[in-house]
N, C-alpha and C. Protein backbone atom coordinates (compact mmCIF):
# COMPACT_ATOMS: atom_id res chain seq x y z
N MET A 1 266.95 -86.56 163.32
CA MET A 1 266.78 -87.31 162.08
C MET A 1 266.61 -86.32 160.91
N PRO A 2 266.92 -86.76 159.68
CA PRO A 2 266.85 -85.86 158.52
C PRO A 2 265.42 -85.63 158.07
N ASP A 3 265.23 -84.51 157.39
CA ASP A 3 263.95 -84.25 156.73
C ASP A 3 263.92 -85.06 155.44
N ILE A 4 262.77 -85.60 155.11
CA ILE A 4 262.61 -86.46 153.94
C ILE A 4 261.59 -85.82 153.00
N THR A 5 261.81 -85.97 151.69
CA THR A 5 260.87 -85.49 150.69
C THR A 5 260.27 -86.67 149.95
N VAL A 6 258.95 -86.64 149.79
CA VAL A 6 258.24 -87.61 148.96
C VAL A 6 257.83 -86.86 147.71
N GLN A 7 258.18 -87.41 146.54
CA GLN A 7 257.85 -86.72 145.29
C GLN A 7 257.54 -87.72 144.19
N ARG A 8 256.84 -87.23 143.19
CA ARG A 8 256.57 -88.07 142.02
C ARG A 8 257.88 -88.43 141.36
N HIS A 9 257.92 -89.63 140.81
CA HIS A 9 259.09 -90.09 140.07
C HIS A 9 258.56 -90.92 138.92
N GLY A 10 258.20 -90.24 137.83
CA GLY A 10 257.53 -90.92 136.71
C GLY A 10 256.12 -91.26 137.13
N ASP A 11 255.73 -92.51 137.02
CA ASP A 11 254.39 -92.93 137.43
C ASP A 11 254.41 -93.54 138.83
N ARG A 12 255.51 -93.38 139.55
CA ARG A 12 255.66 -93.91 140.90
C ARG A 12 255.92 -92.75 141.87
N TRP A 13 256.13 -93.08 143.14
CA TRP A 13 256.44 -92.09 144.17
C TRP A 13 257.78 -92.47 144.79
N ALA A 14 258.62 -91.47 145.04
CA ALA A 14 259.97 -91.73 145.53
C ALA A 14 260.22 -91.00 146.84
N ILE A 15 261.11 -91.59 147.65
CA ILE A 15 261.61 -90.96 148.86
C ILE A 15 262.98 -90.41 148.54
N VAL A 16 263.17 -89.12 148.82
CA VAL A 16 264.45 -88.47 148.53
C VAL A 16 265.01 -87.89 149.83
N GLU A 17 266.24 -88.27 150.15
CA GLU A 17 266.92 -87.74 151.33
C GLU A 17 267.77 -86.55 150.94
N PRO A 18 267.97 -85.60 151.84
CA PRO A 18 268.77 -84.43 151.53
C PRO A 18 270.22 -84.82 151.20
N GLY A 19 270.77 -84.20 150.17
CA GLY A 19 272.16 -84.43 149.80
C GLY A 19 272.39 -85.69 148.98
N VAL A 20 271.33 -86.41 148.64
CA VAL A 20 271.45 -87.64 147.85
C VAL A 20 270.91 -87.36 146.45
N ALA A 21 271.67 -87.73 145.42
CA ALA A 21 271.29 -87.40 144.04
C ALA A 21 270.08 -88.19 143.54
N SER A 22 270.02 -89.47 143.85
CA SER A 22 268.91 -90.28 143.34
C SER A 22 268.01 -90.72 144.49
N PRO A 23 266.76 -91.08 144.19
CA PRO A 23 265.82 -91.48 145.24
C PRO A 23 266.32 -92.67 146.04
N THR A 24 265.98 -92.66 147.33
CA THR A 24 266.36 -93.75 148.22
C THR A 24 265.53 -94.99 147.93
N LYS A 25 264.21 -94.79 147.79
CA LYS A 25 263.28 -95.89 147.51
C LYS A 25 262.16 -95.37 146.63
N GLU A 26 261.50 -96.29 145.91
CA GLU A 26 260.34 -95.95 145.09
C GLU A 26 259.17 -96.85 145.48
N PHE A 27 257.97 -96.30 145.33
CA PHE A 27 256.76 -97.02 145.68
C PHE A 27 255.70 -96.81 144.61
N GLU A 28 254.76 -97.74 144.54
CA GLU A 28 253.66 -97.65 143.57
C GLU A 28 252.68 -96.55 143.94
N THR A 29 252.46 -96.33 145.25
CA THR A 29 251.45 -95.36 145.68
C THR A 29 252.06 -94.27 146.56
N ARG A 30 251.38 -93.15 146.60
CA ARG A 30 251.82 -92.04 147.46
C ARG A 30 251.72 -92.43 148.93
N ASP A 31 250.63 -93.13 149.30
CA ASP A 31 250.45 -93.53 150.69
C ASP A 31 251.59 -94.41 151.19
N ALA A 32 252.00 -95.37 150.36
CA ALA A 32 253.10 -96.25 150.75
C ALA A 32 254.40 -95.47 150.92
N ALA A 33 254.63 -94.53 150.02
CA ALA A 33 255.85 -93.71 150.10
C ALA A 33 255.83 -92.82 151.34
N GLU A 34 254.67 -92.23 151.66
CA GLU A 34 254.57 -91.38 152.84
C GLU A 34 254.78 -92.18 154.12
N SER A 35 254.22 -93.37 154.20
CA SER A 35 254.40 -94.21 155.39
C SER A 35 255.87 -94.56 155.60
N ALA A 36 256.53 -94.96 154.53
CA ALA A 36 257.95 -95.31 154.62
C ALA A 36 258.79 -94.08 154.96
N ALA A 37 258.42 -92.92 154.42
CA ALA A 37 259.16 -91.69 154.70
C ALA A 37 259.02 -91.30 156.16
N ARG A 38 257.82 -91.45 156.73
CA ARG A 38 257.62 -91.12 158.14
C ARG A 38 258.47 -92.02 159.03
N ALA A 39 258.55 -93.29 158.69
CA ALA A 39 259.38 -94.22 159.47
C ALA A 39 260.86 -93.86 159.35
N LEU A 40 261.28 -93.46 158.16
CA LEU A 40 262.68 -93.12 157.92
C LEU A 40 263.05 -91.77 158.55
N ALA A 41 262.12 -90.83 158.56
CA ALA A 41 262.39 -89.49 159.07
C ALA A 41 262.45 -89.45 160.60
N GLY A 42 261.76 -90.36 161.27
CA GLY A 42 261.73 -90.32 162.72
C GLY A 42 261.08 -89.04 163.21
N ASP A 43 261.85 -88.18 163.89
CA ASP A 43 261.33 -86.90 164.36
C ASP A 43 261.44 -85.80 163.32
N GLY A 44 262.05 -86.10 162.17
CA GLY A 44 262.22 -85.11 161.11
C GLY A 44 260.92 -84.84 160.38
N ARG A 45 260.96 -83.88 159.48
CA ARG A 45 259.78 -83.46 158.72
C ARG A 45 259.69 -84.27 157.42
N VAL A 46 258.46 -84.54 156.98
CA VAL A 46 258.21 -85.19 155.69
C VAL A 46 257.49 -84.20 154.80
N ASP A 47 258.11 -83.81 153.69
CA ASP A 47 257.50 -82.91 152.72
C ASP A 47 257.03 -83.72 151.53
N VAL A 48 255.87 -83.36 150.98
CA VAL A 48 255.33 -84.05 149.81
C VAL A 48 255.25 -83.06 148.66
N ARG A 49 255.86 -83.43 147.53
CA ARG A 49 255.81 -82.61 146.31
C ARG A 49 254.94 -83.33 145.29
N GLU A 50 253.99 -82.64 144.74
CA GLU A 50 253.10 -83.22 143.72
C GLU A 50 253.77 -83.27 142.35
N ASP A 51 254.73 -82.37 142.12
CA ASP A 51 255.38 -82.33 140.81
C ASP A 51 256.52 -83.34 140.74
N ASP A 52 256.99 -83.59 139.55
CA ASP A 52 258.12 -84.48 139.31
C ASP A 52 259.30 -83.62 138.87
N PRO A 53 260.19 -83.27 139.80
CA PRO A 53 261.29 -82.38 139.45
C PRO A 53 262.26 -82.97 138.43
N MET A 54 262.25 -84.28 138.25
CA MET A 54 263.14 -84.91 137.28
C MET A 54 262.53 -84.98 135.90
N GLY A 55 261.23 -84.68 135.77
CA GLY A 55 260.57 -84.67 134.47
C GLY A 55 260.26 -86.03 133.90
N LEU A 56 260.28 -87.07 134.73
CA LEU A 56 260.01 -88.42 134.23
C LEU A 56 258.55 -88.62 133.86
N ALA A 57 257.65 -87.89 134.49
CA ALA A 57 256.22 -88.06 134.20
C ALA A 57 255.92 -87.70 132.76
N ASP A 58 256.64 -86.73 132.21
CA ASP A 58 256.41 -86.33 130.83
C ASP A 58 256.93 -87.37 129.84
N ALA A 59 257.93 -88.11 130.23
CA ALA A 59 258.58 -89.06 129.33
C ALA A 59 257.95 -90.44 129.36
N GLN A 60 257.12 -90.73 130.37
CA GLN A 60 256.61 -92.08 130.51
C GLN A 60 255.13 -92.16 130.19
N GLY A 61 254.84 -92.42 128.95
CA GLY A 61 253.47 -92.67 128.54
C GLY A 61 253.36 -94.15 128.19
N HIS A 62 252.26 -94.52 127.59
CA HIS A 62 252.08 -95.90 127.14
C HIS A 62 253.14 -96.23 126.10
N GLY A 63 253.92 -97.26 126.34
CA GLY A 63 254.96 -97.68 125.40
C GLY A 63 256.24 -96.88 125.52
N ALA A 64 256.39 -96.12 126.61
CA ALA A 64 257.62 -95.34 126.79
C ALA A 64 258.81 -96.27 126.88
N GLY A 65 259.87 -95.87 126.26
CA GLY A 65 261.09 -96.66 126.30
C GLY A 65 261.20 -97.68 125.18
N GLU A 66 260.11 -97.92 124.46
CA GLU A 66 260.15 -98.85 123.35
C GLU A 66 260.36 -98.06 122.06
N PRO A 67 261.17 -98.57 121.17
CA PRO A 67 261.36 -97.86 119.91
C PRO A 67 260.07 -97.86 119.10
N GLU A 68 259.89 -96.83 118.30
CA GLU A 68 258.69 -96.78 117.47
C GLU A 68 258.73 -97.89 116.44
N GLY A 69 257.56 -98.41 116.14
CA GLY A 69 257.50 -99.50 115.16
C GLY A 69 257.99 -100.81 115.73
N THR A 70 257.71 -101.08 117.01
CA THR A 70 258.14 -102.33 117.63
C THR A 70 257.50 -103.50 116.90
N PRO A 71 258.28 -104.53 116.55
CA PRO A 71 257.75 -105.68 115.83
C PRO A 71 256.66 -106.41 116.61
N ALA A 72 255.84 -107.17 115.89
CA ALA A 72 254.73 -107.89 116.50
C ALA A 72 255.18 -108.90 117.53
N GLY A 73 256.39 -109.40 117.45
CA GLY A 73 256.89 -110.39 118.38
C GLY A 73 257.29 -109.80 119.72
N GLY A 74 257.15 -108.52 119.90
CA GLY A 74 257.52 -107.88 121.15
C GLY A 74 258.73 -107.01 120.96
N PRO A 75 259.25 -106.45 122.04
CA PRO A 75 260.36 -105.53 121.94
C PRO A 75 261.61 -106.14 121.31
N THR A 76 261.79 -107.45 121.45
CA THR A 76 262.98 -108.08 120.90
C THR A 76 262.79 -108.50 119.45
N GLY A 77 261.52 -108.55 119.01
CA GLY A 77 261.25 -108.96 117.65
C GLY A 77 261.26 -110.47 117.46
N VAL A 78 261.32 -111.22 118.56
CA VAL A 78 261.35 -112.68 118.47
C VAL A 78 259.95 -113.20 118.75
N SER A 79 259.40 -113.95 117.83
CA SER A 79 258.06 -114.49 118.03
C SER A 79 258.11 -115.69 118.96
N GLY A 80 256.95 -116.13 119.40
CA GLY A 80 256.85 -117.27 120.32
C GLY A 80 257.46 -118.54 119.75
N ARG A 81 257.37 -118.74 118.46
CA ARG A 81 257.90 -119.96 117.84
C ARG A 81 259.43 -119.96 117.82
N GLU A 82 260.05 -118.80 117.90
CA GLU A 82 261.50 -118.72 117.80
C GLU A 82 262.20 -118.76 119.16
N ARG A 83 261.45 -118.68 120.23
CA ARG A 83 262.03 -118.68 121.55
C ARG A 83 262.44 -120.10 121.94
N ALA A 84 263.37 -120.20 122.87
CA ALA A 84 263.81 -121.52 123.36
C ALA A 84 262.64 -122.22 124.03
N ARG A 85 262.53 -123.51 123.83
CA ARG A 85 261.42 -124.27 124.40
C ARG A 85 261.67 -124.64 125.85
N SER A 86 262.91 -124.83 126.24
CA SER A 86 263.23 -125.16 127.64
C SER A 86 264.64 -124.70 127.95
N ASN A 87 264.91 -124.59 129.23
CA ASN A 87 266.26 -124.25 129.63
C ASN A 87 267.17 -125.45 129.39
N GLN A 88 268.36 -125.20 128.92
CA GLN A 88 269.29 -126.27 128.65
C GLN A 88 270.45 -126.17 129.63
N ALA A 89 270.20 -126.69 130.81
CA ALA A 89 271.20 -126.64 131.87
C ALA A 89 272.45 -127.45 131.48
N GLY A 90 273.57 -126.94 131.87
CA GLY A 90 274.81 -127.66 131.65
C GLY A 90 275.49 -127.35 130.33
N LEU A 91 274.92 -126.48 129.52
CA LEU A 91 275.56 -126.15 128.27
C LEU A 91 276.39 -124.91 128.39
């Protein structure tokens, strides 16, 4: 079985298989990622990296991904009064 790496991925933990560009799976906790990695690795080795080689941890703070000066109505700028009141099926 292949060796598996568990590493930080922003504020989450990811399982990375050798030769694969993006993570196979992501988890909220390190423990969950390690358990899944052990199951996936079988007899292979599981390595844990504390650092985030992709640099996502530096980019994800509170409000990351939202443009500066987000309107009071939320990221879309639409207030509660302007949103649809119900789904209009069949239109």
